[in-house]
Amino acid sequence: MSSIRVLLVDDHSVVRLGMMTLINDQPGMETVGEAGTAPEAVKAVEELNPDVVLMDIRLPGESGITATREITQKFPDTKVVMLTSYADDELIFRAVRAGAKGYVLKQVGNEELLNAIKAAAVGEAILDSKTTNKILARLRQLEEEAERSVFKELSARELDVLAEVAQGKTNKEIGDALNLSETTVRNYVSNILDKLDLKNRVELATFAVKHHLDDYLRPQS
């Protein structure tokens, strides 16, 4: 089996030297390069094609998160593990969203660091359960916010009409339910179609169900 090729990214040369010594002493693992800034890191990945990048989350100029995003987009086979001095939930969340496989505290033991490199090399996530739960909760929150945002251009009355359309009602039935004329309902439906960039009532109904219109309306009632 070939060695795990590791790139070290940290703006402190002493830190890089310590990690390099540790990694190069391990069978089946080798450092292939080092970098001190985000642009250097991206360039090094392009030139050296490492399996794993140990990336300091805080770098001078552009952050390690910025570099991680670019690396994971351009070089998806390269796995990034963030190095951080302390577990900042927001930074770790941003790093994971940028494509990092997880994080390692700089003060961890040698064995834990080496295990993190091995895990990342085979695509495993490196997160403790507490952080994982926080990240999952944050992702759910973002998903809910995204769901709500799809309806933000609709007025309260248009939302009422859309809810009736989602139930398969005709314009007359909607008008009776909302005390509106059929012409007014027709105009509302047309406006909703335009705002949501949809073509017909079937697409409207499908859209409303897909994006959980009922959940969106419930808190407002």
N, C-alpha and C. Protein backbone atom coordinates (compact mmCIF):
# COMPACT_ATOMS: atom_id res chain seq x y z
N MET A 1 0.85 -1.19 0.00
CA MET A 1 0.00 0.00 0.00
C MET A 1 0.89 1.24 0.00
N SER A 2 0.55 2.23 -0.82
CA SER A 2 1.34 3.46 -0.89
C SER A 2 1.14 4.30 0.36
N SER A 3 2.11 5.16 0.64
CA SER A 3 2.05 6.01 1.82
C SER A 3 0.98 7.08 1.67
N ILE A 4 0.43 7.49 2.80
CA ILE A 4 -0.50 8.63 2.81
C ILE A 4 0.32 9.90 2.66
N ARG A 5 0.04 10.66 1.63
CA ARG A 5 0.80 11.87 1.32
C ARG A 5 0.12 13.07 1.99
N VAL A 6 0.87 13.77 2.83
CA VAL A 6 0.30 14.83 3.65
C VAL A 6 0.95 16.17 3.33
N LEU A 7 0.10 17.18 3.19
CA LEU A 7 0.57 18.57 3.04
C LEU A 7 0.26 19.31 4.34
N LEU A 8 1.23 20.04 4.86
CA LEU A 8 1.08 20.79 6.11
C LEU A 8 0.89 22.26 5.81
N VAL A 9 -0.18 22.85 6.37
CA VAL A 9 -0.44 24.27 6.15
C VAL A 9 -0.60 24.96 7.50
N ASP A 10 0.39 25.77 7.85
CA ASP A 10 0.37 26.53 9.10
C ASP A 10 1.34 27.69 8.94
N ASP A 11 0.99 28.83 9.49
CA ASP A 11 1.86 29.99 9.32
C ASP A 11 3.04 30.01 10.30
N HIS A 12 3.10 29.02 11.19
CA HIS A 12 4.22 28.91 12.11
C HIS A 12 5.13 27.76 11.68
N SER A 13 6.35 28.09 11.29
CA SER A 13 7.27 27.08 10.78
C SER A 13 7.62 26.04 11.85
N VAL A 14 7.65 26.46 13.11
CA VAL A 14 7.96 25.51 14.18
C VAL A 14 6.87 24.45 14.29
N VAL A 15 5.61 24.87 14.15
CA VAL A 15 4.49 23.92 14.19
C VAL A 15 4.60 22.94 13.02
N ARG A 16 4.89 23.46 11.85
CA ARG A 16 5.03 22.59 10.67
C ARG A 16 6.17 21.59 10.87
N LEU A 17 7.27 22.05 11.43
CA LEU A 17 8.42 21.18 11.64
C LEU A 17 8.08 20.04 12.60
N GLY A 18 7.36 20.38 13.68
CA GLY A 18 6.99 19.35 14.64
C GLY A 18 6.09 18.29 14.02
N MET A 19 5.09 18.73 13.25
CA MET A 19 4.19 17.77 12.60
C MET A 19 4.92 16.96 11.53
N MET A 20 5.82 17.62 10.82
CA MET A 20 6.56 16.93 9.77
C MET A 20 7.41 15.80 10.36
N THR A 21 8.08 16.11 11.47
CA THR A 21 8.91 15.10 12.14
C THR A 21 8.07 13.92 12.59
N LEU A 22 6.92 14.21 13.18
CA LEU A 22 6.03 13.15 13.66
C LEU A 22 5.55 12.28 12.51
N ILE A 23 5.06 12.92 11.44
CA ILE A 23 4.47 12.18 10.32
C ILE A 23 5.52 11.35 9.59
N ASN A 24 6.68 11.93 9.35
CA ASN A 24 7.72 11.22 8.59
C ASN A 24 8.33 10.05 9.36
N ASP A 25 8.11 10.02 10.66
CA ASP A 25 8.58 8.90 11.47
C ASP A 25 7.62 7.71 11.44
N GLN A 26 6.45 7.91 10.82
CA GLN A 26 5.42 6.86 10.81
C GLN A 26 5.51 6.04 9.52
N PRO A 27 5.43 4.72 9.64
CA PRO A 27 5.37 3.90 8.42
C PRO A 27 4.04 4.15 7.69
N GLY A 28 4.10 4.21 6.38
CA GLY A 28 2.88 4.39 5.60
C GLY A 28 2.37 5.81 5.57
N MET A 29 3.24 6.78 5.89
CA MET A 29 2.80 8.18 5.94
C MET A 29 4.01 9.07 5.66
N GLU A 30 3.80 10.12 4.87
CA GLU A 30 4.90 11.03 4.58
C GLU A 30 4.37 12.43 4.27
N THR A 31 5.14 13.44 4.63
CA THR A 31 4.80 14.80 4.25
C THR A 31 5.40 15.06 2.87
N VAL A 32 4.62 15.70 2.01
CA VAL A 32 5.08 15.98 0.66
C VAL A 32 5.31 17.46 0.43
N GLY A 33 4.95 18.28 1.43
CA GLY A 33 5.15 19.71 1.26
C GLY A 33 4.56 20.47 2.42
N GLU A 34 4.77 21.78 2.41
CA GLU A 34 4.25 22.65 3.45
C GLU A 34 3.93 24.01 2.86
N ALA A 35 3.05 24.74 3.55
CA ALA A 35 2.65 26.07 3.09
C ALA A 35 2.30 26.92 4.32
N GLY A 36 2.41 28.24 4.16
CA GLY A 36 2.14 29.13 5.27
C GLY A 36 0.97 30.06 5.06
N THR A 37 0.40 30.06 3.85
CA THR A 37 -0.75 30.91 3.54
C THR A 37 -1.76 30.13 2.72
N ALA A 38 -2.96 30.68 2.59
CA ALA A 38 -4.01 30.02 1.81
C ALA A 38 -3.62 29.88 0.33
N PRO A 39 -3.15 30.94 -0.33
CA PRO A 39 -2.77 30.79 -1.74
C PRO A 39 -1.65 29.77 -1.93
N GLU A 40 -0.68 29.75 -1.00
CA GLU A 40 0.40 28.76 -1.09
C GLU A 40 -0.17 27.35 -0.96
N ALA A 41 -1.16 27.19 -0.09
CA ALA A 41 -1.76 25.88 0.12
C ALA A 41 -2.43 25.37 -1.16
N VAL A 42 -3.21 26.22 -1.79
CA VAL A 42 -3.91 25.82 -3.02
C VAL A 42 -2.90 25.46 -4.11
N LYS A 43 -1.87 26.28 -4.24
CA LYS A 43 -0.84 26.02 -5.24
C LYS A 43 -0.11 24.71 -4.96
N ALA A 44 0.17 24.46 -3.68
CA ALA A 44 0.88 23.23 -3.30
C ALA A 44 0.03 21.99 -3.60
N VAL A 45 -1.26 22.07 -3.34
CA VAL A 45 -2.14 20.94 -3.65
C VAL A 45 -2.14 20.65 -5.14
N GLU A 46 -2.19 21.70 -5.93
CA GLU A 46 -2.18 21.54 -7.38
C GLU A 46 -0.90 20.87 -7.85
N GLU A 47 0.23 21.25 -7.24
CA GLU A 47 1.52 20.74 -7.69
C GLU A 47 1.85 19.36 -7.11
N LEU A 48 1.41 19.11 -5.86
CA LEU A 48 1.87 17.92 -5.15
C LEU A 48 0.83 16.81 -5.04
N ASN A 49 -0.43 17.15 -5.25
CA ASN A 49 -1.51 16.16 -5.20
C ASN A 49 -1.48 15.32 -3.92
N PRO A 50 -1.55 15.95 -2.75
CA PRO A 50 -1.52 15.19 -1.50
C PRO A 50 -2.83 14.45 -1.27
N ASP A 51 -2.78 13.43 -0.43
CA ASP A 51 -4.00 12.73 -0.04
C ASP A 51 -4.75 13.51 1.04
N VAL A 52 -3.99 14.10 1.96
CA VAL A 52 -4.58 14.81 3.10
C VAL A 52 -3.85 16.14 3.29
N VAL A 53 -4.63 17.17 3.58
CA VAL A 53 -4.07 18.46 3.95
C VAL A 53 -4.43 18.75 5.41
N LEU A 54 -3.40 19.00 6.23
CA LEU A 54 -3.64 19.49 7.58
C LEU A 54 -3.61 21.01 7.50
N MET A 55 -4.78 21.63 7.66
CA MET A 55 -4.95 23.06 7.37
C MET A 55 -5.24 23.86 8.64
N ASP A 56 -4.36 24.79 8.96
CA ASP A 56 -4.63 25.69 10.08
C ASP A 56 -5.86 26.52 9.73
N ILE A 57 -6.80 26.60 10.65
CA ILE A 57 -8.05 27.31 10.37
C ILE A 57 -7.84 28.82 10.27
N ARG A 58 -6.80 29.31 10.98
CA ARG A 58 -6.48 30.74 10.96
C ARG A 58 -5.14 30.95 10.28
N LEU A 59 -5.17 31.64 9.15
CA LEU A 59 -3.97 31.94 8.40
C LEU A 59 -3.92 33.44 8.12
N PRO A 60 -2.75 34.00 7.91
CA PRO A 60 -2.68 35.43 7.57
C PRO A 60 -3.32 35.68 6.21
N GLY A 61 -4.05 36.77 6.10
CA GLY A 61 -4.74 37.04 4.83
C GLY A 61 -5.97 36.18 4.71
N GLU A 62 -6.08 35.42 3.64
CA GLU A 62 -7.21 34.52 3.45
C GLU A 62 -7.15 33.39 4.48
N SER A 63 -8.31 33.01 4.97
CA SER A 63 -8.35 31.99 6.04
C SER A 63 -8.17 30.58 5.49
N GLY A 64 -7.93 29.65 6.42
CA GLY A 64 -7.85 28.25 6.04
C GLY A 64 -9.17 27.74 5.49
N ILE A 65 -10.27 28.35 5.93
CA ILE A 65 -11.58 27.96 5.42
C ILE A 65 -11.71 28.31 3.94
N THR A 66 -11.22 29.48 3.57
CA THR A 66 -11.25 29.89 2.16
C THR A 66 -10.42 28.93 1.32
N ALA A 67 -9.24 28.58 1.81
CA ALA A 67 -8.38 27.65 1.08
C ALA A 67 -9.04 26.28 0.98
N THR A 68 -9.67 25.85 2.07
CA THR A 68 -10.35 24.55 2.07
C THR A 68 -11.43 24.49 1.01
N ARG A 69 -12.24 25.54 0.93
CA ARG A 69 -13.32 25.58 -0.05
C ARG A 69 -12.76 25.44 -1.47
N GLU A 70 -11.69 26.17 -1.76
CA GLU A 70 -11.11 26.12 -3.10
C GLU A 70 -10.49 24.76 -3.39
N ILE A 71 -9.82 24.20 -2.40
CA ILE A 71 -9.16 22.90 -2.59
C ILE A 71 -10.19 21.80 -2.81
N THR A 72 -11.22 21.76 -1.97
CA THR A 72 -12.21 20.67 -2.10
C THR A 72 -13.02 20.79 -3.38
N GLN A 73 -13.17 22.01 -3.90
CA GLN A 73 -13.89 22.18 -5.16
C GLN A 73 -13.03 21.78 -6.35
N LYS A 74 -11.76 22.18 -6.31
CA LYS A 74 -10.87 21.92 -7.45
C LYS A 74 -10.24 20.53 -7.41
N PHE A 75 -10.02 20.03 -6.20
CA PHE A 75 -9.32 18.75 -6.05
C PHE A 75 -10.08 17.85 -5.08
N PRO A 76 -11.20 17.32 -5.50
CA PRO A 76 -12.09 16.57 -4.60
C PRO A 76 -11.47 15.31 -3.99
N ASP A 77 -10.41 14.78 -4.59
CA ASP A 77 -9.78 13.59 -4.03
C ASP A 77 -8.88 13.91 -2.84
N THR A 78 -8.55 15.17 -2.66
CA THR A 78 -7.73 15.59 -1.53
C THR A 78 -8.62 15.90 -0.34
N LYS A 79 -8.34 15.30 0.80
CA LYS A 79 -9.13 15.50 2.00
C LYS A 79 -8.46 16.55 2.90
N VAL A 80 -9.27 17.41 3.48
CA VAL A 80 -8.74 18.47 4.33
C VAL A 80 -9.19 18.26 5.77
N VAL A 81 -8.24 18.34 6.68
CA VAL A 81 -8.51 18.30 8.11
C VAL A 81 -8.08 19.64 8.69
N MET A 82 -8.99 20.31 9.41
CA MET A 82 -8.68 21.61 9.97
C MET A 82 -7.92 21.45 11.28
N LEU A 83 -6.92 22.29 11.46
CA LEU A 83 -6.20 22.39 12.72
C LEU A 83 -6.63 23.66 13.42
N THR A 84 -7.00 23.55 14.67
CA THR A 84 -7.45 24.73 15.40
C THR A 84 -6.97 24.68 16.84
N SER A 85 -6.74 25.85 17.41
CA SER A 85 -6.24 25.91 18.79
C SER A 85 -7.35 25.64 19.79
N TYR A 86 -8.59 25.93 19.41
CA TYR A 86 -9.72 25.65 20.30
C TYR A 86 -10.96 25.38 19.47
N ALA A 87 -11.92 24.69 20.06
CA ALA A 87 -13.11 24.25 19.33
C ALA A 87 -14.13 25.38 19.22
N ASP A 88 -13.95 26.25 18.25
CA ASP A 88 -14.89 27.32 17.96
C ASP A 88 -16.00 26.75 17.07
N ASP A 89 -17.20 26.59 17.63
CA ASP A 89 -18.28 25.91 16.91
C ASP A 89 -18.58 26.56 15.57
N GLU A 90 -18.61 27.89 15.53
CA GLU A 90 -18.96 28.59 14.29
C GLU A 90 -17.90 28.37 13.23
N LEU A 91 -16.62 28.46 13.60
CA LEU A 91 -15.54 28.25 12.63
C LEU A 91 -15.53 26.82 12.13
N ILE A 92 -15.74 25.87 13.04
CA ILE A 92 -15.76 24.47 12.63
C ILE A 92 -16.92 24.20 11.69
N PHE A 93 -18.07 24.78 11.99
CA PHE A 93 -19.24 24.63 11.12
C PHE A 93 -18.94 25.17 9.72
N ARG A 94 -18.32 26.35 9.66
CA ARG A 94 -17.98 26.94 8.36
C ARG A 94 -16.96 26.08 7.62
N ALA A 95 -16.03 25.50 8.37
CA ALA A 95 -15.02 24.65 7.74
C ALA A 95 -15.65 23.39 7.14
N VAL A 96 -16.57 22.79 7.87
CA VAL A 96 -17.24 21.58 7.37
C VAL A 96 -18.07 21.92 6.13
N ARG A 97 -18.75 23.04 6.16
CA ARG A 97 -19.53 23.47 4.98
C ARG A 97 -18.61 23.74 3.79
N ALA A 98 -17.37 24.14 4.07
CA ALA A 98 -16.41 24.41 3.00
C ALA A 98 -15.84 23.11 2.42
N GLY A 99 -16.09 21.98 3.11
CA GLY A 99 -15.64 20.70 2.57
C GLY A 99 -14.65 19.95 3.43
N ALA A 100 -14.28 20.51 4.59
CA ALA A 100 -13.32 19.81 5.46
C ALA A 100 -13.94 18.53 6.00
N LYS A 101 -13.10 17.51 6.21
CA LYS A 101 -13.57 16.25 6.75
C LYS A 101 -13.75 16.30 8.26
N GLY A 102 -13.23 17.36 8.87
CA GLY A 102 -13.36 17.49 10.31
C GLY A 102 -12.28 18.39 10.85
N TYR A 103 -11.98 18.25 12.12
CA TYR A 103 -10.99 19.12 12.74
C TYR A 103 -10.21 18.35 13.79
N VAL A 104 -9.02 18.89 14.10
CA VAL A 104 -8.17 18.35 15.16
C VAL A 104 -7.64 19.53 15.96
N LEU A 105 -7.74 19.45 17.26
CA LEU A 105 -7.15 20.48 18.11
C LEU A 105 -5.63 20.35 18.08
N LYS A 106 -4.95 21.48 18.02
CA LYS A 106 -3.49 21.46 17.93
C LYS A 106 -2.84 20.80 19.14
N GLN A 107 -3.53 20.84 20.27
CA GLN A 107 -2.94 20.30 21.49
C GLN A 107 -3.22 18.81 21.70
N VAL A 108 -3.80 18.13 20.71
CA VAL A 108 -4.10 16.71 20.88
C VAL A 108 -2.80 15.91 20.91
N GLY A 109 -2.89 14.67 21.36
CA GLY A 109 -1.73 13.79 21.38
C GLY A 109 -1.34 13.35 19.99
N ASN A 110 -0.13 12.87 19.88
CA ASN A 110 0.39 12.44 18.59
C ASN A 110 -0.46 11.34 17.96
N GLU A 111 -0.88 10.39 18.78
CA GLU A 111 -1.65 9.26 18.26
C GLU A 111 -2.97 9.73 17.67
N GLU A 112 -3.61 10.68 18.34
CA GLU A 112 -4.89 11.18 17.84
C GLU A 112 -4.73 11.92 16.52
N LEU A 113 -3.65 12.68 16.39
CA LEU A 113 -3.39 13.38 15.14
C LEU A 113 -3.15 12.40 14.01
N LEU A 114 -2.36 11.40 14.26
CA LEU A 114 -2.07 10.39 13.23
C LEU A 114 -3.33 9.63 12.83
N ASN A 115 -4.15 9.30 13.81
CA ASN A 115 -5.41 8.60 13.51
C ASN A 115 -6.33 9.47 12.67
N ALA A 116 -6.32 10.78 12.94
CA ALA A 116 -7.15 11.70 12.16
C ALA A 116 -6.70 11.73 10.70
N ILE A 117 -5.40 11.70 10.48
CA ILE A 117 -4.87 11.69 9.11
C ILE A 117 -5.29 10.41 8.39
N LYS A 118 -5.16 9.29 9.10
CA LYS A 118 -5.55 8.01 8.50
C LYS A 118 -7.04 7.97 8.17
N ALA A 119 -7.86 8.49 9.09
CA ALA A 119 -9.31 8.49 8.87
C ALA A 119 -9.68 9.36 7.68
N ALA A 120 -9.07 10.55 7.61
CA ALA A 120 -9.37 11.46 6.50
C ALA A 120 -8.97 10.84 5.17
N ALA A 121 -7.85 10.13 5.16
CA ALA A 121 -7.34 9.54 3.91
C ALA A 121 -8.33 8.56 3.30
N VAL A 122 -9.15 7.92 4.14
CA VAL A 122 -10.15 6.97 3.62
C VAL A 122 -11.55 7.59 3.60
N GLY A 123 -11.61 8.91 3.78
CA GLY A 123 -12.88 9.62 3.63
C GLY A 123 -13.76 9.67 4.86
N GLU A 124 -13.23 9.31 6.03
CA GLU A 124 -14.04 9.35 7.24
C GLU A 124 -14.07 10.75 7.84
N ALA A 125 -15.20 11.11 8.43
CA ALA A 125 -15.33 12.41 9.09
C ALA A 125 -14.67 12.35 10.46
N ILE A 126 -14.04 13.46 10.84
CA ILE A 126 -13.35 13.52 12.12
C ILE A 126 -14.01 14.60 12.97
N LEU A 127 -15.06 14.21 13.68
CA LEU A 127 -15.80 15.13 14.54
C LEU A 127 -16.22 14.39 15.79
N ASP A 128 -16.13 15.06 16.93
CA ASP A 128 -16.65 14.43 18.13
C ASP A 128 -18.17 14.53 18.12
N SER A 129 -18.84 13.72 18.93
CA SER A 129 -20.30 13.63 18.90
C SER A 129 -20.96 14.96 19.25
N LYS A 130 -20.37 15.70 20.18
CA LYS A 130 -20.95 16.98 20.58
C LYS A 130 -20.96 17.96 19.41
N THR A 131 -19.82 18.04 18.72
CA THR A 131 -19.74 18.95 17.57
C THR A 131 -20.62 18.48 16.43
N THR A 132 -20.67 17.17 16.21
CA THR A 132 -21.52 16.63 15.15
C THR A 132 -22.98 17.02 15.37
N ASN A 133 -23.45 16.89 16.59
CA ASN A 133 -24.84 17.24 16.90
C ASN A 133 -25.10 18.72 16.65
N LYS A 134 -24.14 19.57 17.03
CA LYS A 134 -24.31 21.00 16.82
C LYS A 134 -24.35 21.34 15.32
N ILE A 135 -23.48 20.69 14.57
CA ILE A 135 -23.45 20.95 13.12
C ILE A 135 -24.73 20.47 12.46
N LEU A 136 -25.21 19.30 12.83
CA LEU A 136 -26.45 18.80 12.26
C LEU A 136 -27.62 19.73 12.59
N ALA A 137 -27.64 20.23 13.83
CA ALA A 137 -28.71 21.15 14.22
C ALA A 137 -28.63 22.43 13.41
N ARG A 138 -27.43 22.93 13.18
CA ARG A 138 -27.26 24.15 12.40
C ARG A 138 -27.66 23.93 10.95
N LEU A 139 -27.30 22.78 10.39
CA LEU A 139 -27.69 22.48 9.01
C LEU A 139 -29.20 22.40 8.87
N ARG A 140 -29.86 21.79 9.87
CA ARG A 140 -31.33 21.73 9.84
C ARG A 140 -31.91 23.14 9.87
N GLN A 141 -31.31 24.01 10.69
CA GLN A 141 -31.78 25.38 10.77
C GLN A 141 -31.65 26.09 9.42
N LEU A 142 -30.52 25.89 8.77
CA LEU A 142 -30.30 26.51 7.46
C LEU A 142 -31.28 25.98 6.42
N GLU A 143 -31.55 24.67 6.49
CA GLU A 143 -32.52 24.08 5.56
C GLU A 143 -33.91 24.67 5.77
N GLU A 144 -34.28 24.85 7.04
CA GLU A 144 -35.58 25.43 7.34
C GLU A 144 -35.66 26.87 6.86
N GLU A 145 -34.58 27.62 7.03
CA GLU A 145 -34.56 29.00 6.56
C GLU A 145 -34.65 29.06 5.05
N ALA A 146 -33.98 28.11 4.38
CA ALA A 146 -34.05 28.06 2.92
C ALA A 146 -35.46 27.74 2.45
N GLU A 147 -36.13 26.82 3.16
CA GLU A 147 -37.50 26.47 2.81
C GLU A 147 -38.40 27.71 2.93
N ARG A 148 -38.25 28.43 4.03
CA ARG A 148 -39.09 29.62 4.23
C ARG A 148 -38.82 30.69 3.19
N SER A 149 -37.57 30.82 2.77
CA SER A 149 -37.21 31.90 1.86
C SER A 149 -37.86 31.77 0.49
N VAL A 150 -38.24 30.55 0.09
CA VAL A 150 -38.82 30.39 -1.25
C VAL A 150 -40.19 31.07 -1.35
N PHE A 151 -40.82 31.34 -0.21
CA PHE A 151 -42.14 31.97 -0.23
C PHE A 151 -42.09 33.46 0.13
N LYS A 152 -40.90 34.00 0.32
CA LYS A 152 -40.80 35.35 0.88
C LYS A 152 -41.35 36.44 -0.04
N GLU A 153 -41.43 36.17 -1.34
CA GLU A 153 -41.94 37.18 -2.27
C GLU A 153 -43.47 37.21 -2.32
N LEU A 154 -44.11 36.24 -1.71
CA LEU A 154 -45.57 36.17 -1.76
C LEU A 154 -46.20 36.97 -0.62
N SER A 155 -47.28 37.66 -0.94
CA SER A 155 -48.03 38.39 0.09
C SER A 155 -48.82 37.39 0.94
N ALA A 156 -49.35 37.87 2.04
CA ALA A 156 -50.14 37.01 2.92
C ALA A 156 -51.34 36.43 2.17
N ARG A 157 -51.98 37.26 1.34
CA ARG A 157 -53.15 36.79 0.60
C ARG A 157 -52.75 35.77 -0.46
N GLU A 158 -51.62 35.99 -1.11
CA GLU A 158 -51.14 35.04 -2.10
C GLU A 158 -50.80 33.69 -1.45
N LEU A 159 -50.30 33.75 -0.24
CA LEU A 159 -50.03 32.51 0.49
C LEU A 159 -51.33 31.77 0.79
N ASP A 160 -52.36 32.52 1.13
CA ASP A 160 -53.67 31.90 1.37
C ASP A 160 -54.17 31.20 0.13
N VAL A 161 -54.04 31.87 -1.01
CA VAL A 161 -54.49 31.30 -2.27
C VAL A 161 -53.67 30.07 -2.62
N LEU A 162 -52.36 30.16 -2.44
CA LEU A 162 -51.49 29.03 -2.75
C LEU A 162 -51.85 27.81 -1.89
N ALA A 163 -52.16 28.05 -0.65
CA ALA A 163 -52.54 26.95 0.23
C ALA A 163 -53.80 26.24 -0.29
N GLU A 164 -54.73 27.02 -0.82
CA GLU A 164 -55.96 26.43 -1.38
C GLU A 164 -55.67 25.69 -2.68
N VAL A 165 -54.79 26.27 -3.51
CA VAL A 165 -54.40 25.60 -4.76
C VAL A 165 -53.75 24.25 -4.45
N ALA A 166 -52.92 24.22 -3.40
CA ALA A 166 -52.23 22.99 -3.02
C ALA A 166 -53.20 21.89 -2.63
N GLN A 167 -54.42 22.28 -2.25
CA GLN A 167 -55.44 21.30 -1.90
C GLN A 167 -56.26 20.86 -3.11
N GLY A 168 -55.90 21.39 -4.28
CA GLY A 168 -56.56 20.97 -5.51
C GLY A 168 -57.88 21.67 -5.78
N LYS A 169 -58.12 22.79 -5.12
CA LYS A 169 -59.40 23.48 -5.30
C LYS A 169 -59.42 24.29 -6.59
N THR A 170 -60.63 24.46 -7.13
CA THR A 170 -60.82 25.30 -8.32
C THR A 170 -60.84 26.76 -7.90
N ASN A 171 -60.79 27.65 -8.90
CA ASN A 171 -60.84 29.08 -8.59
C ASN A 171 -62.14 29.45 -7.86
N LYS A 172 -63.24 28.84 -8.28
CA LYS A 172 -64.51 29.12 -7.62
C LYS A 172 -64.49 28.67 -6.16
N GLU A 173 -63.96 27.47 -5.94
CA GLU A 173 -63.89 26.96 -4.56
C GLU A 173 -62.97 27.82 -3.70
N ILE A 174 -61.88 28.29 -4.30
CA ILE A 174 -60.97 29.16 -3.55
C ILE A 174 -61.65 30.49 -3.25
N GLY A 175 -62.35 31.00 -4.26
CA GLY A 175 -63.07 32.27 -4.05
C GLY A 175 -64.09 32.16 -2.93
N ASP A 176 -64.84 31.06 -2.90
CA ASP A 176 -65.84 30.84 -1.85
C ASP A 176 -65.17 30.75 -0.48
N ALA A 177 -64.02 30.08 -0.43
CA ALA A 177 -63.34 29.88 0.85
C ALA A 177 -62.73 31.18 1.37
N LEU A 178 -62.26 32.03 0.46
CA LEU A 178 -61.56 33.25 0.87
C LEU A 178 -62.36 34.51 0.64
N ASN A 179 -63.62 34.33 0.20
CA ASN A 179 -64.49 35.48 -0.05
C ASN A 179 -63.91 36.40 -1.13
N LEU A 180 -63.48 35.77 -2.24
CA LEU A 180 -62.92 36.50 -3.36
C LEU A 180 -63.67 36.11 -4.63
N SER A 181 -63.65 36.98 -5.64
CA SER A 181 -64.26 36.64 -6.92
C SER A 181 -63.32 35.70 -7.68
N GLU A 182 -63.89 34.96 -8.64
CA GLU A 182 -63.07 34.06 -9.43
C GLU A 182 -61.99 34.83 -10.19
N THR A 183 -62.35 36.01 -10.69
CA THR A 183 -61.38 36.82 -11.42
C THR A 183 -60.21 37.21 -10.53
N THR A 184 -60.51 37.60 -9.29
CA THR A 184 -59.45 37.97 -8.35
C THR A 184 -58.56 36.78 -8.04
N VAL A 185 -59.18 35.62 -7.86
CA VAL A 185 -58.40 34.41 -7.59
C VAL A 185 -57.50 34.10 -8.77
N ARG A 186 -58.07 34.22 -9.97
CA ARG A 186 -57.29 33.95 -11.18
C ARG A 186 -56.08 34.87 -11.26
N ASN A 187 -56.30 36.14 -10.92
CA ASN A 187 -55.19 37.10 -10.93
C ASN A 187 -54.12 36.74 -9.89
N TYR A 188 -54.58 36.33 -8.71
CA TYR A 188 -53.63 35.91 -7.67
C TYR A 188 -52.80 34.72 -8.14
N VAL A 189 -53.48 33.74 -8.72
CA VAL A 189 -52.78 32.54 -9.19
C VAL A 189 -51.75 32.91 -10.24
N SER A 190 -52.11 33.80 -11.15
CA SER A 190 -51.20 34.24 -12.19
C SER A 190 -49.97 34.93 -11.59
N ASN A 191 -50.21 35.78 -10.59
CA ASN A 191 -49.10 36.48 -9.94
C ASN A 191 -48.18 35.50 -9.22
N ILE A 192 -48.77 34.51 -8.58
CA ILE A 192 -47.98 33.52 -7.84
C ILE A 192 -47.11 32.71 -8.81
N LEU A 193 -47.71 32.34 -9.94
CA LEU A 193 -46.95 31.61 -10.95
C LEU A 193 -45.75 32.42 -11.42
N ASP A 194 -45.97 33.70 -11.66
CA ASP A 194 -44.88 34.57 -12.11
C ASP A 194 -43.79 34.68 -11.05
N LYS A 195 -44.18 34.89 -9.80
CA LYS A 195 -43.20 35.09 -8.73
C LYS A 195 -42.38 33.82 -8.46
N LEU A 196 -43.01 32.68 -8.60
CA LEU A 196 -42.31 31.42 -8.33
C LEU A 196 -41.73 30.80 -9.60
N ASP A 197 -41.93 31.47 -10.73
CA ASP A 197 -41.41 31.00 -12.01
C ASP A 197 -41.89 29.58 -12.33
N LEU A 198 -43.19 29.38 -12.16
CA LEU A 198 -43.81 28.09 -12.45
C LEU A 198 -44.81 28.26 -13.59
N LYS A 199 -45.26 27.13 -14.17
CA LYS A 199 -46.06 27.20 -15.40
C LYS A 199 -47.55 26.98 -15.20
N ASN A 200 -47.93 26.17 -14.21
CA ASN A 200 -49.34 25.82 -14.09
C ASN A 200 -49.68 25.45 -12.66
N ARG A 201 -50.96 25.17 -12.43
CA ARG A 201 -51.44 24.87 -11.07
C ARG A 201 -50.87 23.58 -10.51
N VAL A 202 -50.62 22.62 -11.39
CA VAL A 202 -50.04 21.36 -10.92
C VAL A 202 -48.64 21.61 -10.35
N GLU A 203 -47.87 22.42 -11.07
CA GLU A 203 -46.53 22.76 -10.57
C GLU A 203 -46.63 23.55 -9.27
N LEU A 204 -47.63 24.42 -9.18
CA LEU A 204 -47.82 25.19 -7.94
C LEU A 204 -48.09 24.26 -6.76
N ALA A 205 -49.00 23.35 -6.95
CA ALA A 205 -49.36 22.43 -5.87
C ALA A 205 -48.16 21.58 -5.47
N THR A 206 -47.43 21.10 -6.46
CA THR A 206 -46.24 20.28 -6.18
C THR A 206 -45.19 21.09 -5.43
N PHE A 207 -45.00 22.33 -5.85
CA PHE A 207 -44.03 23.22 -5.22
C PHE A 207 -44.39 23.47 -3.75
N ALA A 208 -45.68 23.72 -3.51
CA ALA A 208 -46.14 24.00 -2.15
C ALA A 208 -45.89 22.81 -1.22
N VAL A 209 -46.14 21.62 -1.73
CA VAL A 209 -45.93 20.41 -0.91
C VAL A 209 -44.44 20.17 -0.71
N LYS A 210 -43.67 20.29 -1.78
CA LYS A 210 -42.23 20.02 -1.72
C LYS A 210 -41.53 20.93 -0.71
N HIS A 211 -41.97 22.19 -0.66
CA HIS A 211 -41.30 23.16 0.22
C HIS A 211 -42.07 23.39 1.52
N HIS A 212 -42.95 22.47 1.85
CA HIS A 212 -43.61 22.44 3.16
C HIS A 212 -44.33 23.76 3.48
N LEU A 213 -45.22 24.14 2.59
CA LEU A 213 -45.98 25.38 2.79
C LEU A 213 -46.74 25.35 4.11
N ASP A 214 -47.29 24.22 4.48
CA ASP A 214 -48.05 24.13 5.72
C ASP A 214 -47.17 24.49 6.93
N ASP A 215 -45.93 24.02 6.93
CA ASP A 215 -45.02 24.35 8.03
C ASP A 215 -44.67 25.83 8.03
N TYR A 216 -44.60 26.41 6.83
CA TYR A 216 -44.30 27.84 6.73
C TYR A 216 -45.45 28.67 7.26
N LEU A 217 -46.67 28.26 6.99
CA LEU A 217 -47.83 29.04 7.40
C LEU A 217 -48.14 28.86 8.87
N ARG A 218 -47.84 27.69 9.42
CA ARG A 218 -48.28 27.38 10.79
C ARG A 218 -47.76 28.39 11.82
N PRO A 219 -46.48 28.79 11.81
CA PRO A 219 -46.04 29.73 12.83
C PRO A 219 -46.68 31.10 12.72
N GLN A 220 -47.18 31.42 11.50
CA GLN A 220 -47.74 32.75 11.30
C GLN A 220 -49.20 32.83 11.72
N SER A 221 -49.82 31.69 11.93
CA SER A 221 -51.24 31.67 12.24
C SER A 221 -51.49 31.95 13.71
